[in-house]
Amino acid sequence: MDRFHALSPDALRMVVTIARTGSFAAAARELGKVPSALTYSVRQLEDALDVLLFDRRSRQAKLTAAGEELLREGQLLLQQLDAVANRVKRVASGWETELTVVVDKAIAPHAVFDLMEAFLALKPPTRLKMRSEVMTGTWEPLLHGEADLAIGISSDRLSAPDIRCEPIGQHHFVLAVASHHPLAQEPEPLSPATVAQHRIIAVADSAKRLPTATTGILPGQDVLTVPSMAAKLEAQLRGMGIGYLPEPMVRAHVAAGRLVRKEVSGPPRAFDTHYAWRQASSQPGLALTWWLHQLASPQTRRALLDLHEGLVL
């Protein structure tokens, strides 16, 4: 017998049982074998691995160092086998093997983590994969079949026959500058010409195949491009530039005097945002169904827009 066939689940359970009961006789009774048959099986395993697993000088079933290692690894392998069996059984009942959720960086991370935590508390067999993208980059994975659900899609991206979307609400963006920035003292409302004189902080659209988008940048305006909303906020707190941010994201900083909200001439900057998913011909799996049920809640939708403080995604 080669070592790969020797390391069967039955052989591993045999070693675990002998170590737990402390004797070959007790283990044989528990496993429903005669002691001689159990001893023979142990010797076969030792021959295949070319090691001694039990110290024959001891009256008790005492493991050698090699036996201790096999016991540790064997217990882990048995646990993993049980986990695989349970996962397969639950997947057969309608759970997806994996669910990929892409979230726009303008969505409130507190709410996203609350959803993740609640989902994982179900102990589903579905492996959850989260992605964080920006603007067109949030739409792109869903469009190309790389994601099952996208949260934070703007209304101008919704154009695919097999994708269904529902509204989350309106994102309200405000112009915020550091309290020590020169623009903080300018009278309001600020004109576009005044705003254009100062560097703007922009988050890079993360799309890789679709045309990228820009928003809020005026002709001739200096731009500092950063990879995330968290980086944009940090740059603005440092006075490195100005920019539009979700109002809940700046609320605490404005109250503390670190940032100053500035009114700008023109209509308010409010954008409709949605969640979207690929609509298959069959019913969605239980994991996607759970997420869609949560996202249908008005409370969840408000949280996705409002719960910005303290976390980044």
Protein backbone atom coordinates (compact mmCIF):
# COMPACT_ATOMS: atom_id res chain seq x y z
CA MET A 1 0.00 0.00 0.00
CA ASP A 2 1.42 3.40 -0.96
CA ARG A 3 1.32 6.29 1.51
CA PHE A 4 -1.38 8.21 -0.35
CA HIS A 5 -3.84 5.32 -0.16
CA ALA A 6 -2.74 4.59 3.41
CA LEU A 7 -3.75 8.08 4.60
CA SER A 8 -7.45 7.41 4.24
CA PRO A 9 -10.13 9.02 6.43
CA ASP A 10 -10.60 5.63 8.16
CA ALA A 11 -6.87 5.42 8.96
CA LEU A 12 -6.86 8.96 10.34
CA ARG A 13 -9.93 8.26 12.49
CA MET A 14 -8.20 5.14 13.77
CA VAL A 15 -5.15 7.12 14.94
CA VAL A 16 -7.36 9.80 16.51
CA THR A 17 -9.42 7.16 18.35
CA ILE A 18 -6.36 5.31 19.70
CA ALA A 19 -4.82 8.57 20.93
CA ARG A 20 -8.09 9.66 22.57
CA THR A 21 -8.88 6.34 24.29
CA GLY A 22 -5.27 5.68 25.31
CA SER A 23 -5.13 2.02 24.32
CA PHE A 24 -5.49 -0.28 21.32
CA ALA A 25 -8.05 -2.42 23.15
CA ALA A 26 -10.33 0.50 24.01
CA ALA A 27 -10.03 1.93 20.48
CA ALA A 28 -10.82 -1.49 18.98
CA ARG A 29 -14.02 -1.74 21.06
CA GLU A 30 -15.11 1.75 19.98
CA LEU A 31 -14.35 1.09 16.31
CA GLY A 32 -15.96 -2.37 16.37
CA LYS A 33 -12.76 -4.26 15.60
CA VAL A 34 -10.76 -6.95 17.33
CA PRO A 35 -7.46 -5.67 18.81
CA SER A 36 -5.34 -7.79 16.49
CA ALA A 37 -7.01 -6.32 13.41
CA LEU A 38 -6.45 -2.81 14.73
CA THR A 39 -2.80 -3.56 15.46
CA TYR A 40 -2.38 -4.92 11.92
CA SER A 41 -3.94 -1.76 10.43
CA VAL A 42 -1.58 0.44 12.45
CA ARG A 43 1.43 -1.57 11.22
CA GLN A 44 0.23 -1.26 7.63
CA LEU A 45 -0.01 2.52 8.06
CA GLU A 46 3.44 2.70 9.65
CA ASP A 47 4.94 0.60 6.84
CA ALA A 48 3.36 2.82 4.17
CA LEU A 49 4.67 5.99 5.84
CA ASP A 50 7.96 4.35 6.86
CA VAL A 51 7.69 5.75 10.42
CA LEU A 52 6.74 4.49 13.88
CA LEU A 53 3.55 6.14 15.08
CA PHE A 54 3.31 4.49 18.52
CA ASP A 55 6.01 3.73 21.08
CA ARG A 56 5.96 -0.06 21.49
CA ARG A 57 7.95 0.18 24.76
CA SER A 58 5.02 1.79 26.53
CA ARG A 59 2.10 -0.21 27.91
CA GLN A 60 -0.15 2.68 26.89
CA ALA A 61 -0.79 3.76 23.30
CA LYS A 62 1.80 6.54 23.41
CA LEU A 63 2.39 8.46 20.20
CA THR A 64 5.88 9.12 18.88
CA ALA A 65 6.80 12.58 17.61
CA ALA A 66 5.79 11.45 14.11
CA GLY A 67 2.53 10.10 15.50
CA GLU A 68 1.80 13.42 17.25
CA GLU A 69 2.29 15.25 13.95
CA LEU A 70 0.00 12.83 12.13
CA LEU A 71 -2.59 13.27 14.89
CA ARG A 72 -2.55 17.08 14.55
CA GLU A 73 -2.69 17.09 10.77
CA GLY A 74 -5.14 14.20 10.66
CA GLN A 75 -7.60 15.98 12.93
CA LEU A 76 -7.44 19.05 10.67
CA LEU A 77 -7.98 16.95 7.55
CA LEU A 78 -11.00 15.21 9.09
CA GLN A 79 -12.51 18.57 10.06
CA GLN A 80 -11.97 19.83 6.51
CA LEU A 81 -13.57 16.73 5.04
CA ASP A 82 -16.60 17.22 7.27
CA ALA A 83 -16.76 20.88 6.23
CA VAL A 84 -16.60 19.96 2.53
CA ALA A 85 -19.36 17.39 2.97
CA ASN A 86 -21.56 19.92 4.78
CA ARG A 87 -20.86 22.58 2.14
CA VAL A 88 -21.72 20.22 -0.73
CA LYS A 89 -24.95 19.21 1.00
CA ARG A 90 -26.00 22.83 1.54
CA VAL A 91 -25.02 23.90 -1.98
CA ALA A 92 -27.27 21.13 -3.29
CA SER A 93 -30.11 22.78 -1.37
CA GLY A 94 -29.83 26.00 -3.41
CA TRP A 95 -26.84 27.95 -2.06
CA GLU A 96 -24.29 29.30 -4.54
CA THR A 97 -20.69 28.16 -4.15
CA GLU A 98 -19.50 31.79 -4.40
CA LEU A 99 -21.13 35.21 -4.46
CA THR A 100 -19.22 38.26 -5.71
CA VAL A 101 -20.49 41.66 -4.59
CA VAL A 102 -18.96 44.83 -6.00
CA VAL A 103 -19.47 48.03 -3.98
CA ASP A 104 -18.82 51.59 -5.09
CA LYS A 105 -16.43 53.49 -2.83
CA ALA A 106 -19.05 56.22 -2.34
CA ILE A 107 -21.33 53.73 -0.51
CA ALA A 108 -21.17 53.90 3.29
CA PRO A 109 -18.81 51.13 4.50
CA HIS A 110 -20.46 50.72 7.94
CA ALA A 111 -23.63 49.53 6.24
CA VAL A 112 -21.72 47.17 3.93
CA PHE A 113 -19.88 45.59 6.86
CA ASP A 114 -23.17 45.22 8.74
CA LEU A 115 -24.57 43.28 5.77
CA MET A 116 -21.45 41.13 5.47
CA GLU A 117 -21.52 40.33 9.18
CA ALA A 118 -25.20 39.38 9.12
CA PHE A 119 -24.70 37.19 6.05
CA LEU A 120 -21.73 35.33 7.50
CA ALA A 121 -23.65 34.78 10.75
CA LEU A 122 -25.91 32.46 8.75
CA LYS A 123 -22.87 30.19 8.26
CA PRO A 124 -23.70 29.77 4.59
CA PRO A 125 -21.75 27.40 2.34
CA THR A 126 -21.38 30.31 -0.08
CA ARG A 127 -17.95 31.95 -0.19
CA LEU A 128 -18.40 35.71 -0.15
CA LYS A 129 -16.11 37.82 -2.33
CA MET A 130 -16.25 41.60 -1.97
CA ARG A 131 -14.84 44.10 -4.46
CA SER A 132 -14.52 47.87 -4.06
CA GLU A 133 -14.60 49.97 -7.23
CA VAL A 134 -15.28 53.51 -8.45
CA MET A 135 -17.95 54.82 -10.87
CA THR A 136 -17.84 52.85 -14.16
CA GLY A 137 -15.57 50.35 -12.42
CA THR A 138 -18.52 49.35 -10.22
CA TRP A 139 -20.73 48.65 -13.23
CA GLU A 140 -18.07 46.90 -15.34
CA PRO A 141 -17.72 43.60 -13.34
CA LEU A 142 -21.49 43.09 -13.34
CA LEU A 143 -21.75 43.83 -17.05
CA HIS A 144 -18.99 41.34 -17.89
CA GLY A 145 -20.28 38.58 -15.61
CA GLU A 146 -17.50 38.96 -13.01
CA ALA A 147 -19.89 39.96 -10.21
CA ASP A 148 -23.33 38.81 -9.13
CA LEU A 149 -24.42 42.01 -7.42
CA ALA A 150 -23.32 45.66 -7.69
CA ILE A 151 -24.15 48.29 -5.09
CA GLY A 152 -23.80 51.98 -5.93
CA ILE A 153 -24.50 52.16 -9.68
CA SER A 154 -25.35 55.57 -11.11
CA SER A 155 -28.46 55.82 -13.27
CA ASP A 156 -26.54 56.56 -16.49
CA ARG A 157 -24.81 53.14 -16.34
CA LEU A 158 -27.97 51.04 -16.35
CA SER A 159 -28.18 49.64 -19.88
CA ALA A 160 -28.18 45.86 -20.21
CA PRO A 161 -31.18 43.63 -20.98
CA ASP A 162 -30.27 40.82 -18.56
CA ILE A 163 -29.49 43.08 -15.60
CA ARG A 164 -32.15 44.28 -13.20
CA CYS A 165 -31.74 47.30 -10.93
CA GLU A 166 -33.51 48.94 -8.02
CA PRO A 167 -32.96 52.39 -6.51
CA ILE A 168 -31.05 52.97 -3.28
CA GLY A 169 -31.68 56.71 -3.10
CA GLN A 170 -29.96 59.98 -3.77
CA HIS A 171 -26.34 60.68 -2.97
CA HIS A 172 -25.94 64.29 -1.88
CA PHE A 173 -22.43 65.62 -2.48
CA VAL A 174 -21.16 68.87 -0.98
CA LEU A 175 -18.04 70.92 -1.63
CA ALA A 176 -15.75 70.69 1.39
CA VAL A 177 -12.43 72.43 2.04
CA ALA A 178 -10.01 72.34 4.95
CA SER A 179 -10.52 75.09 7.48
CA HIS A 180 -7.05 76.45 6.64
CA HIS A 181 -7.60 76.33 2.86
CA PRO A 182 -7.79 79.78 1.16
CA LEU A 183 -11.24 78.98 -0.23
CA ALA A 184 -12.65 78.56 3.29
CA GLN A 185 -12.84 82.34 3.70
CA GLU A 186 -14.34 83.14 0.30
CA PRO A 187 -17.91 84.56 0.28
CA GLU A 188 -20.69 82.26 -0.86
CA PRO A 189 -22.04 81.07 -3.14
CA LEU A 190 -18.79 80.34 -4.91
CA SER A 191 -18.76 80.84 -8.66
CA PRO A 192 -17.37 78.16 -11.00
CA ALA A 193 -14.60 80.57 -11.93
CA THR A 194 -13.54 80.86 -8.28
CA VAL A 195 -13.66 77.09 -7.75
CA ALA A 196 -11.63 76.48 -10.92
CA GLN A 197 -8.69 78.45 -9.48
CA HIS A 198 -8.07 75.76 -6.85
CA ARG A 199 -6.84 72.17 -7.18
CA ILE A 200 -9.59 69.59 -7.04
CA ILE A 201 -9.19 66.11 -5.54
CA ALA A 202 -10.71 63.43 -7.75
CA VAL A 203 -11.17 59.69 -7.26
CA ALA A 204 -10.02 57.72 -10.30
CA ASP A 205 -12.67 55.73 -12.14
CA SER A 206 -11.53 52.11 -11.72
CA ALA A 207 -12.91 50.77 -15.03
CA LYS A 208 -10.36 48.82 -17.05
CA ARG A 209 -12.25 48.09 -20.28
CA LEU A 210 -15.12 50.57 -20.48
CA PRO A 211 -14.55 54.31 -21.03
CA THR A 212 -13.86 56.00 -17.71
CA ALA A 213 -15.84 58.95 -16.39
CA THR A 214 -14.94 62.16 -14.60
CA THR A 215 -17.21 64.43 -12.63
CA GLY A 216 -16.93 67.85 -10.99
CA ILE A 217 -13.70 68.88 -12.74
CA LEU A 218 -13.83 72.30 -14.41
CA PRO A 219 -11.95 73.20 -17.61
CA GLY A 220 -8.34 74.11 -16.87
CA GLN A 221 -8.58 73.09 -13.20
CA ASP A 222 -5.56 71.46 -11.54
CA VAL A 223 -6.36 67.88 -10.45
CA LEU A 224 -4.93 65.50 -7.87
CA THR A 225 -6.22 61.99 -8.57
CA VAL A 226 -6.43 59.50 -5.68
CA PRO A 227 -7.63 55.86 -5.53
CA SER A 228 -10.48 56.04 -2.99
CA MET A 229 -12.97 58.23 -1.17
CA ALA A 230 -10.98 57.73 2.03
CA ALA A 231 -7.85 59.06 0.31
CA LYS A 232 -9.83 61.98 -1.09
CA LEU A 233 -11.12 62.88 2.37
CA GLU A 234 -7.60 62.70 3.83
CA ALA A 235 -6.20 64.93 1.07
CA GLN A 236 -8.94 67.50 1.66
CA LEU A 237 -8.42 67.46 5.42
CA ARG A 238 -4.76 68.27 4.75
CA GLY A 239 -5.71 71.19 2.52
CA MET A 240 -4.13 69.60 -0.54
CA GLY A 241 -7.17 70.50 -2.61
CA ILE A 242 -10.95 70.80 -2.63
CA GLY A 243 -13.65 68.45 -3.77
CA TYR A 244 -17.15 67.13 -3.53
CA LEU A 245 -17.82 64.40 -0.96
CA PRO A 246 -20.97 62.64 0.31
CA GLU A 247 -22.48 64.90 2.96
CA PRO A 248 -22.55 62.16 5.67
CA MET A 249 -18.83 61.59 5.12
CA VAL A 250 -17.93 65.19 5.99
CA ARG A 251 -20.58 65.81 8.64
CA ALA A 252 -18.44 65.04 11.70
CA HIS A 253 -15.42 66.88 10.27
CA VAL A 254 -17.53 69.98 9.62
CA ALA A 255 -18.94 69.85 13.15
CA ALA A 256 -15.39 69.58 14.55
CA GLY A 257 -14.17 72.50 12.45
CA ARG A 258 -11.72 70.47 10.38
CA LEU A 259 -13.66 71.01 7.16
CA VAL A 260 -15.84 73.86 5.92
CA ARG A 261 -18.82 73.31 3.64
CA LYS A 262 -19.03 75.80 0.82
CA GLU A 263 -22.11 76.58 -1.21
CA VAL A 264 -21.56 76.73 -4.95
CA SER A 265 -23.75 78.56 -7.43
CA GLY A 266 -25.89 76.23 -9.50
CA PRO A 267 -28.14 73.27 -8.69
CA PRO A 268 -27.30 70.93 -5.78
CA ARG A 269 -25.15 67.93 -6.63
CA ALA A 270 -27.47 64.98 -6.05
CA PHE A 271 -27.13 61.70 -7.90
CA ASP A 272 -29.48 58.74 -8.05
CA THR A 273 -27.74 55.51 -7.09
CA HIS A 274 -28.89 51.93 -7.52
CA TYR A 275 -28.07 48.32 -6.85
CA ALA A 276 -28.16 45.87 -9.73
CA TRP A 277 -27.85 42.15 -10.34
CA ARG A 278 -27.70 39.78 -13.27
CA GLN A 279 -31.13 38.25 -13.80
CA ALA A 280 -30.74 34.59 -14.80
CA SER A 281 -33.47 32.50 -16.41
CA SER A 282 -33.82 30.49 -13.20
CA GLN A 283 -34.48 31.66 -9.67
CA PRO A 284 -31.50 33.33 -7.97
CA GLY A 285 -29.58 31.26 -5.41
CA LEU A 286 -30.24 31.58 -1.71
CA ALA A 287 -27.20 33.82 -1.11
CA LEU A 288 -28.17 36.40 -3.73
CA THR A 289 -31.80 36.16 -2.60
CA TRP A 290 -30.71 37.01 0.96
CA TRP A 291 -28.77 40.09 -0.20
CA LEU A 292 -31.63 41.29 -2.39
CA HIS A 293 -34.05 40.90 0.50
CA GLN A 294 -31.82 43.04 2.72
CA LEU A 295 -31.35 45.69 0.03
CA ALA A 296 -35.11 45.97 -0.42
CA SER A 297 -35.35 47.39 3.10
CA PRO A 298 -35.68 51.20 3.25
CA GLN A 299 -33.60 51.15 6.45
CA THR A 300 -30.75 49.34 4.68
CA ARG A 301 -30.90 51.73 1.73
CA ARG A 302 -30.64 54.75 4.03
CA ALA A 303 -27.72 53.18 5.87
CA LEU A 304 -25.85 52.60 2.58
CA LEU A 305 -25.96 56.34 2.00
CA ASP A 306 -25.48 57.60 5.56
CA LEU A 307 -23.21 55.35 7.68
CA HIS A 308 -19.83 56.72 6.57
CA GLU A 309 -18.00 57.55 9.79
CA GLY A 310 -15.02 55.55 11.00
CA LEU A 311 -14.61 52.89 8.32
CA VAL A 312 -13.18 52.71 4.82
CA LEU A 313 -13.89 50.18 2.10
